[in-house]
Amino acid sequence: FVSMPSRALRNATKSFIRAKKDERVFLICDQSLLSQAKNGFAITDSGLYWKNVLQPAGAVTFTTLNEVKLDQGHLSLDGQFFNAGSRLNLKMALLLGKLRRI
């Protein structure tokens, strides 16, 4: 297992992860420049939480997600801006589309 420094985990929790106590976190992707986990995204068993540079934190749940749209290289998730990079955005769009159908 890869461990995340406790300081980075605290930063991610303060910045964008709003998971409930009963949610299981599967993945945290740190996209900050200095590995401080103030920007990035997390996938839980219930939804997706993220924070992009100069953007407010966002969140969607898999059960209520209505629209996944790839627009000019970034994703629009129910009208919220999400950007993890052009390659990862496409993969996230495919993953979220499949999770919505489950």
PDB file of N, CA and C in Angstrom:
ATOM      1  N   PHE A   1       0.825  -1.181   0.000  1.00  0.00           N
ATOM      2  CA  PHE A   1       0.000   0.000   0.000  1.00  0.00           C
ATOM      3  C   PHE A   1       0.868   1.242   0.000  1.00  0.00           C
ATOM      4  N   VAL A   2       0.412   2.226  -0.692  1.00  0.00           N
ATOM      5  CA  VAL A   2       1.085   3.513  -0.695  1.00  0.00           C
ATOM      6  C   VAL A   2       0.449   4.355   0.395  1.00  0.00           C
ATOM      7  N   SER A   3       1.268   4.960   1.207  1.00  0.00           N
ATOM      8  CA  SER A   3       0.703   5.797   2.265  1.00  0.00           C
ATOM      9  C   SER A   3       0.852   7.266   1.896  1.00  0.00           C
ATOM     10  N   MET A   4      -0.082   8.032   2.325  1.00  0.00           N
ATOM     11  CA  MET A   4      -0.092   9.467   2.072  1.00  0.00           C
ATOM     12  C   MET A   4       0.334  10.157   3.362  1.00  0.00           C
ATOM     13  N   PRO A   5       1.230  11.135   3.288  1.00  0.00           N
ATOM     14  CA  PRO A   5       1.615  11.852   4.505  1.00  0.00           C
ATOM     15  C   PRO A   5       0.391  12.451   5.191  1.00  0.00           C
ATOM     16  N   SER A   6       0.379  12.403   6.512  1.00  0.00           N
ATOM     17  CA  SER A   6      -0.794  12.867   7.264  1.00  0.00           C
ATOM     18  C   SER A   6      -1.094  14.341   6.983  1.00  0.00           C
ATOM     19  N   ARG A   7      -0.059  15.156   6.781  1.00  0.00           N
ATOM     20  CA  ARG A   7      -0.268  16.576   6.473  1.00  0.00           C
ATOM     21  C   ARG A   7      -1.019  16.737   5.150  1.00  0.00           C
ATOM     22  N   ALA A   8      -0.649  15.949   4.153  1.00  0.00           N
ATOM     23  CA  ALA A   8      -1.318  16.014   2.849  1.00  0.00           C
ATOM     24  C   ALA A   8      -2.768  15.547   2.972  1.00  0.00           C
ATOM     25  N   LEU A   9      -3.007  14.519   3.753  1.00  0.00           N
ATOM     26  CA  LEU A   9      -4.372  14.035   3.942  1.00  0.00           C
ATOM     27  C   LEU A   9      -5.240  15.070   4.653  1.00  0.00           C
ATOM     28  N   ARG A  10      -4.679  15.750   5.648  1.00  0.00           N
ATOM     29  CA  ARG A  10      -5.413  16.836   6.321  1.00  0.00           C
ATOM     30  C   ARG A  10      -5.730  17.962   5.344  1.00  0.00           C
ATOM     31  N   ASN A  11      -4.761  18.342   4.504  1.00  0.00           N
ATOM     32  CA  ASN A  11      -4.987  19.405   3.516  1.00  0.00           C
ATOM     33  C   ASN A  11      -6.090  19.014   2.537  1.00  0.00           C
ATOM     34  N   ALA A  12      -6.066  17.780   2.050  1.00  0.00           N
ATOM     35  CA  ALA A  12      -7.085  17.321   1.104  1.00  0.00           C
ATOM     36  C   ALA A  12      -8.467  17.346   1.759  1.00  0.00           C
ATOM     37  N   THR A  13      -8.531  16.938   3.017  1.00  0.00           N
ATOM     38  CA  THR A  13      -9.805  16.938   3.731  1.00  0.00           C
ATOM     39  C   THR A  13     -10.326  18.356   3.938  1.00  0.00           C
ATOM     40  N   LYS A  14      -9.451  19.270   4.261  1.00  0.00           N
ATOM     41  CA  LYS A  14      -9.867  20.662   4.450  1.00  0.00           C
ATOM     42  C   LYS A  14     -10.235  21.315   3.119  1.00  0.00           C
ATOM     43  N   SER A  15      -9.534  20.955   2.057  1.00  0.00           N
ATOM     44  CA  SER A  15      -9.691  21.630   0.782  1.00  0.00           C
ATOM     45  C   SER A  15     -10.863  21.111  -0.052  1.00  0.00           C
ATOM     46  N   PHE A  16     -11.018  19.769  -0.149  1.00  0.00           N
ATOM     47  CA  PHE A  16     -12.047  19.285  -1.074  1.00  0.00           C
ATOM     48  C   PHE A  16     -12.759  17.999  -0.691  1.00  0.00           C
ATOM     49  N   ILE A  17     -12.212  17.156   0.122  1.00  0.00           N
ATOM     50  CA  ILE A  17     -12.879  15.893   0.437  1.00  0.00           C
ATOM     51  C   ILE A  17     -13.943  16.130   1.493  1.00  0.00           C
ATOM     52  N   ARG A  18     -15.186  15.906   1.141  1.00  0.00           N
ATOM     53  CA  ARG A  18     -16.310  16.104   2.047  1.00  0.00           C
ATOM     54  C   ARG A  18     -17.059  14.782   2.263  1.00  0.00           C
ATOM     55  N   ALA A  19     -16.309  13.704   2.311  1.00  0.00           N
ATOM     56  CA  ALA A  19     -16.905  12.377   2.447  1.00  0.00           C
ATOM     57  C   ALA A  19     -17.549  12.207   3.821  1.00  0.00           C
ATOM     58  N   LYS A  20     -18.623  11.457   3.833  1.00  0.00           N
ATOM     59  CA  LYS A  20     -19.289  11.130   5.094  1.00  0.00           C
ATOM     60  C   LYS A  20     -18.474  10.056   5.815  1.00  0.00           C
ATOM     61  N   LYS A  21     -18.729   9.893   7.087  1.00  0.00           N
ATOM     62  CA  LYS A  21     -17.957   8.940   7.883  1.00  0.00           C
ATOM     63  C   LYS A  21     -18.071   7.502   7.384  1.00  0.00           C
ATOM     64  N   ASP A  22     -19.203   7.152   6.788  1.00  0.00           N
ATOM     65  CA  ASP A  22     -19.382   5.781   6.328  1.00  0.00           C
ATOM     66  C   ASP A  22     -18.900   5.549   4.891  1.00  0.00           C
ATOM     67  N   GLU A  23     -18.400   6.594   4.214  1.00  0.00           N
ATOM     68  CA  GLU A  23     -17.884   6.439   2.850  1.00  0.00           C
ATOM     69  C   GLU A  23     -16.464   5.875   2.892  1.00  0.00           C
ATOM     70  N   ARG A  24     -16.187   4.988   1.946  1.00  0.00           N
ATOM     71  CA  ARG A  24     -14.837   4.444   1.811  1.00  0.00           C
ATOM     72  C   ARG A  24     -14.124   5.202   0.703  1.00  0.00           C
ATOM     73  N   VAL A  25     -12.956   5.726   0.998  1.00  0.00           N
ATOM     74  CA  VAL A  25     -12.154   6.439   0.007  1.00  0.00           C
ATOM     75  C   VAL A  25     -11.313   5.408  -0.742  1.00  0.00           C
ATOM     76  N   PHE A  26     -11.489   5.363  -2.070  1.00  0.00           N
ATOM     77  CA  PHE A  26     -10.739   4.429  -2.897  1.00  0.00           C
ATOM     78  C   PHE A  26      -9.462   5.040  -3.448  1.00  0.00           C
ATOM     79  N   LEU A  27      -9.507   6.331  -3.752  1.00  0.00           N
ATOM     80  CA  LEU A  27      -8.391   6.960  -4.443  1.00  0.00           C
ATOM     81  C   LEU A  27      -8.332   8.439  -4.105  1.00  0.00           C
ATOM     82  N   ILE A  28      -7.137   8.920  -3.836  1.00  0.00           N
ATOM     83  CA  ILE A  28      -6.905  10.361  -3.723  1.00  0.00           C
ATOM     84  C   ILE A  28      -5.784  10.686  -4.699  1.00  0.00           C
ATOM     85  N   CYS A  29      -6.048  11.584  -5.615  1.00  0.00           N
ATOM     86  CA  CYS A  29      -5.058  12.022  -6.592  1.00  0.00           C
ATOM     87  C   CYS A  29      -4.647  13.449  -6.246  1.00  0.00           C
ATOM     88  N   ASP A  30      -3.418  13.622  -5.813  1.00  0.00           N
ATOM     89  CA  ASP A  30      -2.879  14.930  -5.446  1.00  0.00           C
ATOM     90  C   ASP A  30      -2.362  15.607  -6.709  1.00  0.00           C
ATOM     91  N   GLN A  31      -2.947  16.742  -7.070  1.00  0.00           N
ATOM     92  CA  GLN A  31      -2.523  17.467  -8.256  1.00  0.00           C
ATOM     93  C   GLN A  31      -1.917  18.826  -7.919  1.00  0.00           C
ATOM     94  N   SER A  32      -1.483  18.999  -6.668  1.00  0.00           N
ATOM     95  CA  SER A  32      -0.847  20.253  -6.281  1.00  0.00           C
ATOM     96  C   SER A  32       0.602  20.264  -6.754  1.00  0.00           C
ATOM     97  N   LEU A  33       1.113  21.446  -6.942  1.00  0.00           N
ATOM     98  CA  LEU A  33       2.487  21.586  -7.417  1.00  0.00           C
ATOM     99  C   LEU A  33       3.516  21.087  -6.410  1.00  0.00           C
ATOM    100  N   LEU A  34       3.271  21.310  -5.138  1.00  0.00           N
ATOM    101  CA  LEU A  34       4.250  20.953  -4.114  1.00  0.00           C
ATOM    102  C   LEU A  34       3.831  19.747  -3.285  1.00  0.00           C
ATOM    103  N   SER A  35       2.971  18.910  -3.828  1.00  0.00           N
ATOM    104  CA  SER A  35       2.491  17.706  -3.149  1.00  0.00           C
ATOM    105  C   SER A  35       1.914  17.997  -1.773  1.00  0.00           C
ATOM    106  N   GLN A  36       1.115  19.043  -1.693  1.00  0.00           N
ATOM    107  CA  GLN A  36       0.479  19.389  -0.426  1.00  0.00           C
ATOM    108  C   GLN A  36      -0.984  18.975  -0.394  1.00  0.00           C
ATOM    109  N   ALA A  37      -1.496  18.408  -1.477  1.00  0.00           N
ATOM    110  CA  ALA A  37      -2.863  17.883  -1.585  1.00  0.00           C
ATOM    111  C   ALA A  37      -3.931  18.948  -1.372  1.00  0.00           C
ATOM    112  N   LYS A  38      -3.654  20.168  -1.802  1.00  0.00           N
ATOM    113  CA  LYS A  38      -4.676  21.213  -1.724  1.00  0.00           C
ATOM    114  C   LYS A  38      -5.524  21.248  -2.989  1.00  0.00           C
ATOM    115  N   ASN A  39      -5.040  20.631  -4.055  1.00  0.00           N
ATOM    116  CA  ASN A  39      -5.775  20.487  -5.312  1.00  0.00           C
ATOM    117  C   ASN A  39      -5.693  19.027  -5.725  1.00  0.00           C
ATOM    118  N   GLY A  40      -6.762  18.542  -6.319  1.00  0.00           N
ATOM    119  CA  GLY A  40      -6.789  17.154  -6.759  1.00  0.00           C
ATOM    120  C   GLY A  40      -8.203  16.625  -6.706  1.00  0.00           C
ATOM    121  N   PHE A  41      -8.316  15.300  -6.657  1.00  0.00           N
ATOM    122  CA  PHE A  41      -9.634  14.697  -6.573  1.00  0.00           C
ATOM    123  C   PHE A  41      -9.572  13.401  -5.785  1.00  0.00           C
ATOM    124  N   ALA A  42     -10.731  12.993  -5.298  1.00  0.00           N
ATOM    125  CA  ALA A  42     -10.856  11.744  -4.550  1.00  0.00           C
ATOM    126  C   ALA A  42     -12.107  11.016  -5.025  1.00  0.00           C
ATOM    127  N   ILE A  43     -11.993   9.702  -5.133  1.00  0.00           N
ATOM    128  CA  ILE A  43     -13.129   8.859  -5.497  1.00  0.00           C
ATOM    129  C   ILE A  43     -13.462   7.995  -4.286  1.00  0.00           C
ATOM    130  N   THR A  44     -14.729   8.020  -3.917  1.00  0.00           N
ATOM    131  CA  THR A  44     -15.213   7.188  -2.814  1.00  0.00           C
ATOM    132  C   THR A  44     -16.222   6.186  -3.356  1.00  0.00           C
ATOM    133  N   ASP A  45     -16.768   5.386  -2.479  1.00  0.00           N
ATOM    134  CA  ASP A  45     -17.788   4.443  -2.926  1.00  0.00           C
ATOM    135  C   ASP A  45     -19.103   5.133  -3.253  1.00  0.00           C
ATOM    136  N   SER A  46     -19.225   6.424  -2.904  1.00  0.00           N
ATOM    137  CA  SER A  46     -20.467   7.160  -3.171  1.00  0.00           C
ATOM    138  C   SER A  46     -20.339   8.272  -4.199  1.00  0.00           C
ATOM    139  N   GLY A  47     -19.133   8.816  -4.393  1.00  0.00           N
ATOM    140  CA  GLY A  47     -19.027   9.942  -5.300  1.00  0.00           C
ATOM    141  C   GLY A  47     -17.609  10.397  -5.576  1.00  0.00           C
ATOM    142  N   LEU A  48     -17.530  11.565  -6.163  1.00  0.00           N
ATOM    143  CA  LEU A  48     -16.278  12.182  -6.575  1.00  0.00           C
ATOM    144  C   LEU A  48     -16.202  13.566  -5.942  1.00  0.00           C
ATOM    145  N   TYR A  49     -15.056  13.871  -5.355  1.00  0.00           N
ATOM    146  CA  TYR A  49     -14.797  15.165  -4.727  1.00  0.00           C
ATOM    147  C   TYR A  49     -13.533  15.735  -5.368  1.00  0.00           C
ATOM    148  N   TRP A  50     -13.497  17.056  -5.600  1.00  0.00           N
ATOM    149  CA  TRP A  50     -12.327  17.626  -6.251  1.00  0.00           C
ATOM    150  C   TRP A  50     -12.153  19.098  -5.929  1.00  0.00           C
ATOM    151  N   LYS A  51     -10.946  19.565  -6.247  1.00  0.00           N
ATOM    152  CA  LYS A  51     -10.606  20.989  -6.149  1.00  0.00           C
ATOM    153  C   LYS A  51      -9.573  21.261  -7.221  1.00  0.00           C
ATOM    154  N   ASN A  52      -9.904  22.161  -8.149  1.00  0.00           N
ATOM    155  CA  ASN A  52      -8.971  22.602  -9.183  1.00  0.00           C
ATOM    156  C   ASN A  52      -8.408  23.959  -8.809  1.00  0.00           C
ATOM    157  N   VAL A  53      -7.261  24.293  -9.355  1.00  0.00           N
ATOM    158  CA  VAL A  53      -6.614  25.577  -9.087  1.00  0.00           C
ATOM    159  C   VAL A  53      -7.561  26.717  -9.460  1.00  0.00           C
ATOM    160  N   LEU A  54      -7.685  27.692  -8.586  1.00  0.00           N
ATOM    161  CA  LEU A  54      -8.510  28.881  -8.775  1.00  0.00           C
ATOM    162  C   LEU A  54      -9.995  28.583  -8.996  1.00  0.00           C
ATOM    163  N   GLN A  55     -10.450  27.433  -8.558  1.00  0.00           N
ATOM    164  CA  GLN A  55     -11.858  27.041  -8.678  1.00  0.00           C
ATOM    165  C   GLN A  55     -12.370  26.612  -7.307  1.00  0.00           C
ATOM    166  N   PRO A  56     -13.660  26.734  -7.072  1.00  0.00           N
ATOM    167  CA  PRO A  56     -14.197  26.221  -5.800  1.00  0.00           C
ATOM    168  C   PRO A  56     -14.200  24.694  -5.806  1.00  0.00           C
ATOM    169  N   ALA A  57     -14.245  24.113  -4.639  1.00  0.00           N
ATOM    170  CA  ALA A  57     -14.326  22.659  -4.520  1.00  0.00           C
ATOM    171  C   ALA A  57     -15.651  22.180  -5.101  1.00  0.00           C
ATOM    172  N   GLY A  58     -15.643  20.983  -5.655  1.00  0.00           N
ATOM    173  CA  GLY A  58     -16.855  20.419  -6.234  1.00  0.00           C
ATOM    174  C   GLY A  58     -17.072  18.996  -5.760  1.00  0.00           C
ATOM    175  N   ALA A  59     -18.279  18.526  -5.935  1.00  0.00           N
ATOM    176  CA  ALA A  59     -18.622  17.159  -5.544  1.00  0.00           C
ATOM    177  C   ALA A  59     -19.836  16.687  -6.320  1.00  0.00           C
ATOM    178  N   VAL A  60     -19.847  15.408  -6.644  1.00  0.00           N
ATOM    179  CA  VAL A  60     -21.028  14.763  -7.229  1.00  0.00           C
ATOM    180  C   VAL A  60     -21.150  13.374  -6.619  1.00  0.00           C
ATOM    181  N   THR A  61     -22.382  12.925  -6.486  1.00  0.00           N
ATOM    182  CA  THR A  61     -22.606  11.548  -6.059  1.00  0.00           C
ATOM    183  C   THR A  61     -22.999  10.728  -7.278  1.00  0.00           C
ATOM    184  N   PHE A  62     -22.629   9.476  -7.270  1.00  0.00           N
ATOM    185  CA  PHE A  62     -22.894   8.627  -8.424  1.00  0.00           C
ATOM    186  C   PHE A  62     -24.389   8.402  -8.629  1.00  0.00           C
ATOM    187  N   THR A  63     -25.166   8.415  -7.568  1.00  0.00           N
ATOM    188  CA  THR A  63     -26.605   8.157  -7.693  1.00  0.00           C
ATOM    189  C   THR A  63     -27.383   9.362  -8.216  1.00  0.00           C
ATOM    190  N   THR A  64     -26.849  10.571  -8.039  1.00  0.00           N
ATOM    191  CA  THR A  64     -27.573  11.766  -8.487  1.00  0.00           C
ATOM    192  C   THR A  64     -26.925  12.450  -9.683  1.00  0.00           C
ATOM    193  N   LEU A  65     -25.807  11.936 -10.166  1.00  0.00           N
ATOM    194  CA  LEU A  65     -25.110  12.547 -11.305  1.00  0.00           C
ATOM    195  C   LEU A  65     -25.957  12.419 -12.560  1.00  0.00           C
ATOM    196  N   ASN A  66     -26.295  13.554 -13.160  1.00  0.00           N
ATOM    197  CA  ASN A  66     -27.147  13.555 -14.346  1.00  0.00           C
ATOM    198  C   ASN A  66     -26.377  13.776 -15.638  1.00  0.00           C
ATOM    199  N   GLU A  67     -25.398  14.682 -15.625  1.00  0.00           N
ATOM    200  CA  GLU A  67     -24.746  15.067 -16.868  1.00  0.00           C
ATOM    201  C   GLU A  67     -23.230  15.036 -16.742  1.00  0.00           C
ATOM    202  N   VAL A  68     -22.617  14.278 -17.634  1.00  0.00           N
ATOM    203  CA  VAL A  68     -21.160  14.245 -17.772  1.00  0.00           C
ATOM    204  C   VAL A  68     -20.862  14.707 -19.184  1.00  0.00           C
ATOM    205  N   LYS A  69     -20.219  15.864 -19.295  1.00  0.00           N
ATOM    206  CA  LYS A  69     -19.978  16.438 -20.618  1.00  0.00           C
ATOM    207  C   LYS A  69     -18.512  16.846 -20.741  1.00  0.00           C
ATOM    208  N   LEU A  70     -17.855  16.359 -21.779  1.00  0.00           N
ATOM    209  CA  LEU A  70     -16.487  16.752 -22.088  1.00  0.00           C
ATOM    210  C   LEU A  70     -16.556  17.980 -22.971  1.00  0.00           C
ATOM    211  N   ASP A  71     -16.000  19.093 -22.481  1.00  0.00           N
ATOM    212  CA  ASP A  71     -16.142  20.371 -23.169  1.00  0.00           C
ATOM    213  C   ASP A  71     -14.811  21.100 -23.199  1.00  0.00           C
ATOM    214  N   GLN A  72     -14.219  21.245 -24.372  1.00  0.00           N
ATOM    215  CA  GLN A  72     -12.958  21.964 -24.567  1.00  0.00           C
ATOM    216  C   GLN A  72     -11.845  21.451 -23.655  1.00  0.00           C
ATOM    217  N   GLY A  73     -11.771  20.133 -23.511  1.00  0.00           N
ATOM    218  CA  GLY A  73     -10.687  19.529 -22.749  1.00  0.00           C
ATOM    219  C   GLY A  73     -10.949  19.350 -21.271  1.00  0.00           C
ATOM    220  N   HIS A  74     -11.995  19.946 -20.741  1.00  0.00           N
ATOM    221  CA  HIS A  74     -12.327  19.721 -19.325  1.00  0.00           C
ATOM    222  C   HIS A  74     -13.704  19.079 -19.238  1.00  0.00           C
ATOM    223  N   LEU A  75     -14.020  18.615 -18.045  1.00  0.00           N
ATOM    224  CA  LEU A  75     -15.315  17.981 -17.823  1.00  0.00           C
ATOM    225  C   LEU A  75     -16.279  18.938 -17.161  1.00  0.00           C
ATOM    226  N   SER A  76     -17.522  18.794 -17.497  1.00  0.00           N
ATOM    227  CA  SER A  76     -18.599  19.480 -16.806  1.00  0.00           C
ATOM    228  C   SER A  76     -19.457  18.392 -16.173  1.00  0.00           C
ATOM    229  N   LEU A  77     -19.481  18.371 -14.843  1.00  0.00           N
ATOM    230  CA  LEU A  77     -20.244  17.371 -14.099  1.00  0.00           C
ATOM    231  C   LEU A  77     -21.419  18.067 -13.444  1.00  0.00           C
ATOM    232  N   ASP A  78     -22.586  17.869 -14.004  1.00  0.00           N
ATOM    233  CA  ASP A  78     -23.783  18.584 -13.551  1.00  0.00           C
ATOM    234  C   ASP A  78     -23.534  20.086 -13.477  1.00  0.00           C
ATOM    235  N   GLY A  79     -22.814  20.607 -14.473  1.00  0.00           N
ATOM    236  CA  GLY A  79     -22.537  22.040 -14.555  1.00  0.00           C
ATOM    237  C   GLY A  79     -21.344  22.510 -13.742  1.00  0.00           C
ATOM    238  N   GLN A  80     -20.659  21.615 -13.040  1.00  0.00           N
ATOM    239  CA  GLN A  80     -19.489  21.987 -12.240  1.00  0.00           C
ATOM    240  C   GLN A  80     -18.213  21.693 -13.031  1.00  0.00           C
ATOM    241  N   PHE A  81     -17.252  22.592 -12.958  1.00  0.00           N
ATOM    242  CA  PHE A  81     -15.978  22.472 -13.665  1.00  0.00           C
ATOM    243  C   PHE A  81     -15.091  21.430 -12.994  1.00  0.00           C
ATOM    244  N   PHE A  82     -14.587  20.468 -13.793  1.00  0.00           N
ATOM    245  CA  PHE A  82     -13.629  19.462 -13.321  1.00  0.00           C
ATOM    246  C   PHE A  82     -12.533  19.351 -14.356  1.00  0.00           C
ATOM    247  N   ASN A  83     -11.276  19.400 -13.917  1.00  0.00           N
ATOM    248  CA  ASN A  83     -10.163  19.271 -14.847  1.00  0.00           C
ATOM    249  C   ASN A  83      -9.011  18.549 -14.174  1.00  0.00           C
ATOM    250  N   ALA A  84      -8.720  17.342 -14.668  1.00  0.00           N
ATOM    251  CA  ALA A  84      -7.596  16.561 -14.160  1.00  0.00           C
ATOM    252  C   ALA A  84      -6.536  16.378 -15.245  1.00  0.00           C
ATOM    253  N   GLY A  85      -6.640  17.153 -16.327  1.00  0.00           N
ATOM    254  CA  GLY A  85      -5.739  17.005 -17.467  1.00  0.00           C
ATOM    255  C   GLY A  85      -6.487  16.311 -18.599  1.00  0.00           C
ATOM    256  N   SER A  86      -6.126  16.630 -19.824  1.00  0.00           N
ATOM    257  CA  SER A  86      -6.907  16.167 -20.977  1.00  0.00           C
ATOM    258  C   SER A  86      -7.012  14.643 -21.064  1.00  0.00           C
ATOM    259  N   ARG A  87      -5.930  13.917 -20.848  1.00  0.00           N
ATOM    260  CA  ARG A  87      -5.988  12.450 -20.933  1.00  0.00           C
ATOM    261  C   ARG A  87      -6.852  11.852 -19.822  1.00  0.00           C
ATOM    262  N   LEU A  88      -6.649  12.340 -18.619  1.00  0.00           N
ATOM    263  CA  LEU A  88      -7.398  11.809 -17.486  1.00  0.00           C
ATOM    264  C   LEU A  88      -8.864  12.228 -17.532  1.00  0.00           C
ATOM    265  N   ASN A  89      -9.158  13.398 -18.081  1.00  0.00           N
ATOM    266  CA  ASN A  89     -10.554  13.833 -18.202  1.00  0.00           C
ATOM    267  C   ASN A  89     -11.365  12.865 -19.058  1.00  0.00           C
ATOM    268  N   LEU A  90     -10.794  12.419 -20.149  1.00  0.00           N
ATOM    269  CA  LEU A  90     -11.491  11.466 -21.022  1.00  0.00           C
ATOM    270  C   LEU A  90     -11.750  10.160 -20.280  1.00  0.00           C
ATOM    271  N   LYS A  91     -10.752   9.668 -19.560  1.00  0.00           N
ATOM    272  CA  LYS A  91     -10.917   8.425 -18.806  1.00  0.00           C
ATOM    273  C   LYS A  91     -11.933   8.590 -17.683  1.00  0.00           C
ATOM    274  N   MET A  92     -11.918   9.746 -17.028  1.00  0.00           N
ATOM    275  CA  MET A  92     -12.895  10.008 -15.967  1.00  0.00           C
ATOM    276  C   MET A  92     -14.310  10.074 -16.537  1.00  0.00           C
ATOM    277  N   ALA A  93     -14.465  10.679 -17.720  1.00  0.00           N
ATOM    278  CA  ALA A  93     -15.786  10.754 -18.357  1.00  0.00           C
ATOM    279  C   ALA A  93     -16.319   9.351 -18.637  1.00  0.00           C
ATOM    280  N   LEU A  94     -15.465   8.466 -19.127  1.00  0.00           N
ATOM    281  CA  LEU A  94     -15.884   7.089 -19.403  1.00  0.00           C
ATOM    282  C   LEU A  94     -16.235   6.356 -18.108  1.00  0.00           C
ATOM    283  N   LEU A  95     -15.395   6.517 -17.083  1.00  0.00           N
ATOM    284  CA  LEU A  95     -15.649   5.869 -15.797  1.00  0.00           C
ATOM    285  C   LEU A  95     -16.949   6.369 -15.170  1.00  0.00           C
ATOM    286  N   LEU A  96     -17.143   7.680 -15.155  1.00  0.00           N
ATOM    287  CA  LEU A  96     -18.356   8.244 -14.559  1.00  0.00           C
ATOM    288  C   LEU A  96     -19.601   7.835 -15.326  1.00  0.00           C
ATOM    289  N   GLY A  97     -19.489   7.739 -16.638  1.00  0.00           N
ATOM    290  CA  GLY A  97     -20.619   7.265 -17.444  1.00  0.00           C
ATOM    291  C   GLY A  97     -21.011   5.851 -17.066  1.00  0.00           C
ATOM    292  N   LYS A  98     -20.011   4.984 -16.850  1.00  0.00           N
ATOM    293  CA  LYS A  98     -20.298   3.602 -16.446  1.00  0.00           C
ATOM    294  C   LYS A  98     -20.867   3.546 -15.030  1.00  0.00           C
ATOM    295  N   LEU A  99     -20.317   4.329 -14.119  1.00  0.00           N
ATOM    296  CA  LEU A  99     -20.799   4.325 -12.738  1.00  0.00           C
ATOM    297  C   LEU A  99     -22.222   4.844 -12.628  1.00  0.00           C
ATOM    298  N   ARG A 100     -22.574   5.780 -13.485  1.00  0.00           N
ATOM    299  CA  ARG A 100     -23.953   6.303 -13.483  1.00  0.00           C
ATOM    300  C   ARG A 100     -24.966   5.231 -13.844  1.00  0.00           C
ATOM    301  N   ARG A 101     -24.563   4.305 -14.698  1.00  0.00           N
ATOM    302  CA  ARG A 101     -25.479   3.258 -15.166  1.00  0.00           C
ATOM    303  C   ARG A 101     -25.625   2.095 -14.188  1.00  0.00           C
ATOM    304  N   ILE A 102     -24.757   2.026 -13.205  1.00  0.00           N
ATOM    305  CA  ILE A 102     -24.805   0.906 -12.232  1.00  0.00           C
ATOM    306  C   ILE A 102     -25.928   1.115 -11.253  1.00  0.00           C
TER     307      ILE A 102
END
